[in-house]
Amino acid sequence: MTDEEYTAALEAERVARCDRARYIVREEHGAFHILRRNGAGQAWGVARYTTSETADLAAAFLNRLKEDEA
C-alpha cells in the first residue's frame, strides 16, 4: 500500500465514522431530548433539557467533538 492509498483509506474511514452517528434534538412531553442516532436510523436518549436553545447548543457541541475526534 502506497502512502497515497494509506492516506485515502484513513480519510475514508474518518468520513465513514463521522457519518455513522449524529446527535439530534427531539421534543417530547414538553422537554427537549438529545438523541444519538446511528446510520440505521435507530436513536436512544442521551440527555434532556428544558429549552430548545440549550439542547441545540449541546447537540451541536457533541457533533463537533465527534468530528474533531475522527
Protein backbone atom coordinates (compact mmCIF):
# COMPACT_ATOMS: atom_id res chain seq x y z
CA MET A 1 0.00 0.00 0.00
CA THR A 2 1.44 3.35 -1.01
CA ASP A 3 1.40 6.44 1.16
CA GLU A 4 -1.36 7.95 -1.01
CA GLU A 5 -3.51 4.83 -0.74
CA TYR A 6 -2.98 4.72 3.03
CA THR A 7 -3.93 8.39 3.36
CA ALA A 8 -7.04 7.84 1.22
CA ALA A 9 -8.04 4.81 3.34
CA LEU A 10 -7.65 6.80 6.56
CA GLU A 11 -9.73 9.66 5.16
CA ALA A 12 -12.45 7.24 4.01
CA GLU A 13 -12.53 5.69 7.49
CA ARG A 14 -12.79 9.14 9.11
CA VAL A 15 -15.67 10.13 6.83
CA ALA A 16 -17.49 6.86 7.49
CA ARG A 17 -17.05 7.28 11.25
CA CYS A 18 -18.42 10.82 11.14
CA ASP A 19 -21.40 9.77 9.03
CA ARG A 20 -22.39 6.88 11.27
CA ALA A 21 -23.88 8.63 14.27
CA ARG A 22 -25.28 12.11 14.79
CA TYR A 23 -26.73 13.86 17.80
CA ILE A 24 -30.20 15.24 17.18
CA VAL A 25 -32.79 17.11 19.27
CA ARG A 26 -36.37 15.93 19.55
CA GLU A 27 -39.19 17.49 21.56
CA GLU A 28 -41.24 15.04 23.60
CA HIS A 29 -43.60 15.63 26.51
CA GLY A 30 -42.58 19.27 26.97
CA ALA A 31 -38.83 18.59 27.16
CA PHE A 32 -36.08 18.61 24.56
CA HIS A 33 -34.16 15.36 24.31
CA ILE A 34 -30.75 14.88 22.76
CA LEU A 35 -30.68 11.57 20.93
CA ARG A 36 -27.76 9.76 19.35
CA ARG A 37 -28.92 8.37 16.01
CA ASN A 38 -26.87 5.75 14.20
CA GLY A 39 -26.62 5.08 10.48
CA ALA A 40 -29.54 2.63 10.61
CA GLY A 41 -31.86 5.34 11.99
CA GLN A 42 -32.05 3.90 15.50
CA ALA A 43 -31.88 6.52 18.24
CA TRP A 44 -31.50 6.50 22.00
CA GLY A 45 -31.64 9.25 24.58
CA VAL A 46 -28.52 10.92 25.90
CA ALA A 47 -29.81 13.93 27.85
CA ARG A 48 -32.91 16.06 28.46
CA TYR A 49 -33.13 19.87 28.51
CA THR A 50 -35.90 22.32 29.28
CA THR A 51 -35.15 24.78 26.46
CA SER A 52 -34.63 24.08 22.78
CA GLU A 53 -31.73 26.56 22.57
CA THR A 54 -29.73 24.70 25.21
CA ALA A 55 -30.48 21.32 23.63
CA ASP A 56 -29.49 22.58 20.16
CA LEU A 57 -26.26 24.03 21.51
CA ALA A 58 -25.38 20.80 23.34
CA ALA A 59 -26.13 18.66 20.27
CA ALA A 60 -24.00 20.93 18.06
CA PHE A 61 -21.18 20.73 20.58
CA LEU A 62 -21.35 16.91 20.72
CA ASN A 63 -21.40 16.65 16.94
CA ARG A 64 -18.38 18.94 16.70
CA LEU A 65 -16.49 16.89 19.29
CA LYS A 66 -17.25 13.74 17.34
CA GLU A 67 -15.95 15.32 14.12
CA ASP A 68 -12.77 16.53 15.80
CA GLU A 69 -12.19 13.09 17.29
CA ALA A 70 -12.41 11.48 13.87
